Amino acid sequence: MKVIINIKTEKEIKENAQSIAKEIGISLSDVINASLRNFIRTREIYFSDTPRMTPEFEKILGKIDKNIKEGKNISPKLSSSKEVNDYLDNL
């Protein structure tokens, strides 16, 4: 037997979630049901304010790694505020 669950969310969140679900060929109800099934199965829910690796972030890190390997765009080790100021003044 199916039942209805009413939830409150921001309009933009609902619209974005519906749009993404439609893109992958499922309904928003399917997304919510899958989330609930996962919660029941694992008895866990995960919240984090730590950014997750995205392709864009990995691309940025790749550029940084390349710069480090090539010795580009790297400041020297500075031990005092005077050294920092002198270094910045000479850029």
N, C-alpha and C. Protein backbone atom coordinates (compact mmCIF):
# COMPACT_ATOMS: atom_id res chain seq x y z
N MET A 1 0.84 -1.17 0.00
CA MET A 1 0.00 0.00 0.00
C MET A 1 0.89 1.25 0.00
N LYS A 2 0.60 2.17 -0.87
CA LYS A 2 1.36 3.41 -0.93
C LYS A 2 0.68 4.47 -0.09
N VAL A 3 1.52 5.32 0.52
CA VAL A 3 1.02 6.43 1.32
C VAL A 3 1.67 7.72 0.83
N ILE A 4 1.12 8.83 1.23
CA ILE A 4 1.64 10.13 0.83
C ILE A 4 2.37 10.73 2.02
N ILE A 5 3.57 11.25 1.75
CA ILE A 5 4.34 11.99 2.75
C ILE A 5 4.42 13.42 2.27
N ASN A 6 4.02 14.35 3.09
CA ASN A 6 4.13 15.77 2.75
C ASN A 6 5.38 16.34 3.41
N ILE A 7 6.20 16.99 2.62
CA ILE A 7 7.38 17.64 3.18
C ILE A 7 7.40 19.09 2.72
N LYS A 8 8.11 19.91 3.44
CA LYS A 8 8.30 21.30 3.05
C LYS A 8 9.74 21.50 2.65
N THR A 9 9.93 22.13 1.51
CA THR A 9 11.26 22.46 1.03
C THR A 9 11.15 23.74 0.23
N GLU A 10 12.28 24.33 -0.06
CA GLU A 10 12.27 25.54 -0.85
C GLU A 10 11.91 25.20 -2.29
N LYS A 11 11.19 26.11 -2.94
CA LYS A 11 10.73 25.90 -4.31
C LYS A 11 11.90 25.60 -5.24
N GLU A 12 12.99 26.34 -5.11
CA GLU A 12 14.15 26.15 -5.99
C GLU A 12 14.75 24.75 -5.82
N ILE A 13 14.81 24.27 -4.59
CA ILE A 13 15.35 22.93 -4.33
C ILE A 13 14.49 21.89 -5.02
N LYS A 14 13.17 22.00 -4.87
CA LYS A 14 12.26 21.04 -5.50
C LYS A 14 12.41 21.07 -7.02
N GLU A 15 12.43 22.26 -7.58
CA GLU A 15 12.51 22.39 -9.04
C GLU A 15 13.84 21.83 -9.57
N ASN A 16 14.95 22.15 -8.90
CA ASN A 16 16.25 21.63 -9.32
C ASN A 16 16.31 20.11 -9.22
N ALA A 17 15.79 19.58 -8.11
CA ALA A 17 15.79 18.12 -7.92
C ALA A 17 14.91 17.44 -8.97
N GLN A 18 13.74 18.02 -9.26
CA GLN A 18 12.87 17.44 -10.28
C GLN A 18 13.54 17.46 -11.65
N SER A 19 14.22 18.56 -11.95
CA SER A 19 14.89 18.69 -13.24
C SER A 19 15.98 17.64 -13.41
N ILE A 20 16.80 17.46 -12.38
CA ILE A 20 17.88 16.48 -12.45
C ILE A 20 17.31 15.06 -12.55
N ALA A 21 16.28 14.79 -11.75
CA ALA A 21 15.65 13.46 -11.80
C ALA A 21 15.10 13.19 -13.20
N LYS A 22 14.46 14.19 -13.78
CA LYS A 22 13.91 14.02 -15.13
C LYS A 22 15.02 13.75 -16.15
N GLU A 23 16.16 14.45 -15.99
CA GLU A 23 17.30 14.25 -16.90
C GLU A 23 17.78 12.80 -16.90
N ILE A 24 17.73 12.17 -15.73
CA ILE A 24 18.21 10.78 -15.66
C ILE A 24 17.07 9.77 -15.77
N GLY A 25 15.85 10.28 -16.05
CA GLY A 25 14.74 9.40 -16.36
C GLY A 25 13.99 8.82 -15.18
N ILE A 26 14.02 9.51 -14.06
CA ILE A 26 13.25 9.04 -12.90
C ILE A 26 12.44 10.21 -12.33
N SER A 27 11.53 9.88 -11.44
CA SER A 27 10.72 10.93 -10.81
C SER A 27 11.35 11.37 -9.50
N LEU A 28 10.88 12.50 -9.01
CA LEU A 28 11.34 12.98 -7.71
C LEU A 28 10.93 12.00 -6.62
N SER A 29 9.77 11.38 -6.77
CA SER A 29 9.34 10.34 -5.82
C SER A 29 10.34 9.19 -5.77
N ASP A 30 10.86 8.80 -6.95
CA ASP A 30 11.86 7.73 -6.99
C ASP A 30 13.12 8.13 -6.22
N VAL A 31 13.52 9.40 -6.36
CA VAL A 31 14.72 9.90 -5.65
C VAL A 31 14.50 9.83 -4.14
N ILE A 32 13.34 10.30 -3.71
CA ILE A 32 13.04 10.31 -2.27
C ILE A 32 12.92 8.89 -1.73
N ASN A 33 12.24 8.01 -2.48
CA ASN A 33 12.11 6.61 -2.05
C ASN A 33 13.47 5.93 -1.96
N ALA A 34 14.34 6.18 -2.93
CA ALA A 34 15.68 5.58 -2.88
C ALA A 34 16.45 6.07 -1.66
N SER A 35 16.30 7.35 -1.35
CA SER A 35 16.96 7.90 -0.17
C SER A 35 16.42 7.26 1.11
N LEU A 36 15.12 7.10 1.18
CA LEU A 36 14.52 6.47 2.36
C LEU A 36 14.94 5.01 2.49
N ARG A 37 14.97 4.29 1.36
CA ARG A 37 15.41 2.88 1.40
C ARG A 37 16.85 2.77 1.89
N ASN A 38 17.70 3.67 1.40
CA ASN A 38 19.09 3.67 1.83
C ASN A 38 19.19 3.96 3.32
N PHE A 39 18.40 4.89 3.82
CA PHE A 39 18.38 5.22 5.24
C PHE A 39 17.96 4.01 6.07
N ILE A 40 16.94 3.29 5.61
CA ILE A 40 16.47 2.10 6.31
C ILE A 40 17.54 1.02 6.30
N ARG A 41 18.16 0.80 5.14
CA ARG A 41 19.17 -0.26 4.99
C ARG A 41 20.41 0.01 5.83
N THR A 42 20.91 1.24 5.79
CA THR A 42 22.18 1.55 6.47
C THR A 42 22.00 2.11 7.87
N ARG A 43 20.79 2.57 8.16
CA ARG A 43 20.49 3.24 9.43
C ARG A 43 21.42 4.44 9.63
N GLU A 44 21.80 5.06 8.53
CA GLU A 44 22.70 6.19 8.58
C GLU A 44 22.16 7.32 7.71
N ILE A 45 22.50 8.51 8.10
CA ILE A 45 22.28 9.67 7.26
C ILE A 45 23.54 10.52 7.41
N TYR A 46 24.02 11.05 6.34
CA TYR A 46 25.31 11.72 6.34
C TYR A 46 25.13 13.18 5.96
N PHE A 47 25.61 14.06 6.82
CA PHE A 47 25.62 15.49 6.55
C PHE A 47 27.06 15.97 6.67
N SER A 48 27.45 16.83 5.77
CA SER A 48 28.81 17.34 5.83
C SER A 48 28.86 18.74 5.24
N ASP A 49 29.67 19.59 5.83
CA ASP A 49 29.90 20.90 5.22
C ASP A 49 31.26 20.93 4.53
N THR A 50 31.89 19.75 4.47
CA THR A 50 33.17 19.63 3.79
C THR A 50 32.92 19.49 2.29
N PRO A 51 33.56 20.32 1.51
CA PRO A 51 33.35 20.22 0.06
C PRO A 51 33.79 18.86 -0.47
N ARG A 52 33.03 18.34 -1.41
CA ARG A 52 33.38 17.07 -2.04
C ARG A 52 34.17 17.37 -3.30
N MET A 53 34.99 16.41 -3.68
CA MET A 53 35.76 16.58 -4.90
C MET A 53 34.81 16.60 -6.10
N THR A 54 34.92 17.63 -6.88
CA THR A 54 34.16 17.74 -8.11
C THR A 54 35.16 17.75 -9.27
N PRO A 55 34.69 17.47 -10.46
CA PRO A 55 35.62 17.53 -11.61
C PRO A 55 36.29 18.91 -11.74
N GLU A 56 35.54 19.96 -11.45
CA GLU A 56 36.12 21.30 -11.54
C GLU A 56 37.23 21.50 -10.50
N PHE A 57 36.99 21.00 -9.28
CA PHE A 57 37.98 21.13 -8.22
C PHE A 57 39.22 20.29 -8.53
N GLU A 58 39.00 19.09 -9.07
CA GLU A 58 40.13 18.23 -9.45
C GLU A 58 40.97 18.90 -10.54
N LYS A 59 40.31 19.61 -11.45
CA LYS A 59 41.03 20.32 -12.51
C LYS A 59 41.92 21.42 -11.92
N ILE A 60 41.37 22.15 -10.95
CA ILE A 60 42.15 23.20 -10.28
C ILE A 60 43.34 22.60 -9.56
N LEU A 61 43.10 21.50 -8.84
CA LEU A 61 44.20 20.85 -8.12
C LEU A 61 45.25 20.33 -9.08
N GLY A 62 44.81 19.86 -10.25
CA GLY A 62 45.76 19.39 -11.25
C GLY A 62 46.69 20.51 -11.72
N LYS A 63 46.13 21.70 -11.91
CA LYS A 63 46.94 22.86 -12.31
C LYS A 63 47.94 23.22 -11.21
N ILE A 64 47.47 23.17 -9.97
CA ILE A 64 48.35 23.49 -8.83
C ILE A 64 49.48 22.48 -8.75
N ASP A 65 49.13 21.20 -8.89
CA ASP A 65 50.14 20.14 -8.84
C ASP A 65 51.18 20.33 -9.95
N LYS A 66 50.72 20.69 -11.14
CA LYS A 66 51.62 20.93 -12.27
C LYS A 66 52.56 22.09 -11.96
N ASN A 67 52.02 23.18 -11.39
CA ASN A 67 52.84 24.33 -11.02
C ASN A 67 53.90 23.95 -9.99
N ILE A 68 53.52 23.14 -9.03
CA ILE A 68 54.48 22.72 -7.99
C ILE A 68 55.61 21.92 -8.63
N LYS A 69 55.25 20.98 -9.50
CA LYS A 69 56.27 20.14 -10.15
C LYS A 69 57.20 20.97 -11.03
N GLU A 70 56.65 22.03 -11.65
CA GLU A 70 57.46 22.89 -12.52
C GLU A 70 58.13 24.04 -11.78
N GLY A 71 57.81 24.17 -10.48
CA GLY A 71 58.40 25.25 -9.68
C GLY A 71 57.87 26.62 -10.03
N LYS A 72 56.66 26.68 -10.58
CA LYS A 72 56.04 27.95 -10.96
C LYS A 72 55.07 28.42 -9.89
N ASN A 73 54.92 29.74 -9.80
CA ASN A 73 53.91 30.35 -8.92
C ASN A 73 54.01 29.90 -7.47
N ILE A 74 55.23 29.74 -7.00
CA ILE A 74 55.45 29.30 -5.63
C ILE A 74 56.31 30.33 -4.92
N SER A 75 55.85 30.77 -3.77
CA SER A 75 56.64 31.73 -3.01
C SER A 75 57.66 31.00 -2.15
N PRO A 76 58.73 31.68 -1.78
CA PRO A 76 59.72 31.04 -0.91
C PRO A 76 59.19 30.94 0.53
N LYS A 77 59.88 30.16 1.33
CA LYS A 77 59.54 30.06 2.74
C LYS A 77 59.90 31.38 3.40
N LEU A 78 58.94 31.96 4.11
CA LEU A 78 59.14 33.25 4.77
C LEU A 78 58.93 33.07 6.26
N SER A 79 59.86 33.61 7.06
CA SER A 79 59.83 33.34 8.50
C SER A 79 59.37 34.51 9.35
N SER A 80 59.25 35.69 8.76
CA SER A 80 58.84 36.83 9.58
C SER A 80 57.94 37.74 8.76
N SER A 81 57.26 38.61 9.45
CA SER A 81 56.38 39.54 8.75
C SER A 81 57.20 40.50 7.88
N LYS A 82 58.41 40.82 8.32
CA LYS A 82 59.27 41.68 7.50
C LYS A 82 59.62 40.99 6.19
N GLU A 83 59.95 39.70 6.25
CA GLU A 83 60.24 38.96 5.03
C GLU A 83 59.03 38.91 4.11
N VAL A 84 57.86 38.75 4.69
CA VAL A 84 56.63 38.72 3.90
C VAL A 84 56.43 40.07 3.21
N ASN A 85 56.55 41.13 3.98
CA ASN A 85 56.36 42.47 3.42
C ASN A 85 57.38 42.76 2.32
N ASP A 86 58.65 42.41 2.57
CA ASP A 86 59.70 42.63 1.56
C ASP A 86 59.40 41.82 0.30
N TYR A 87 58.99 40.58 0.48
CA TYR A 87 58.69 39.73 -0.66
C TYR A 87 57.54 40.33 -1.49
N LEU A 88 56.47 40.73 -0.80
CA LEU A 88 55.31 41.29 -1.49
C LEU A 88 55.64 42.62 -2.17
N ASP A 89 56.47 43.42 -1.53
CA ASP A 89 56.87 44.70 -2.12
C ASP A 89 57.67 44.50 -3.41
N ASN A 90 58.39 43.38 -3.51
CA ASN A 90 59.24 43.14 -4.68
C ASN A 90 58.54 42.37 -5.81
N LEU A 91 57.28 42.07 -5.62
CA LEU A 91 56.56 41.34 -6.69
C LEU A 91 56.29 42.23 -7.88
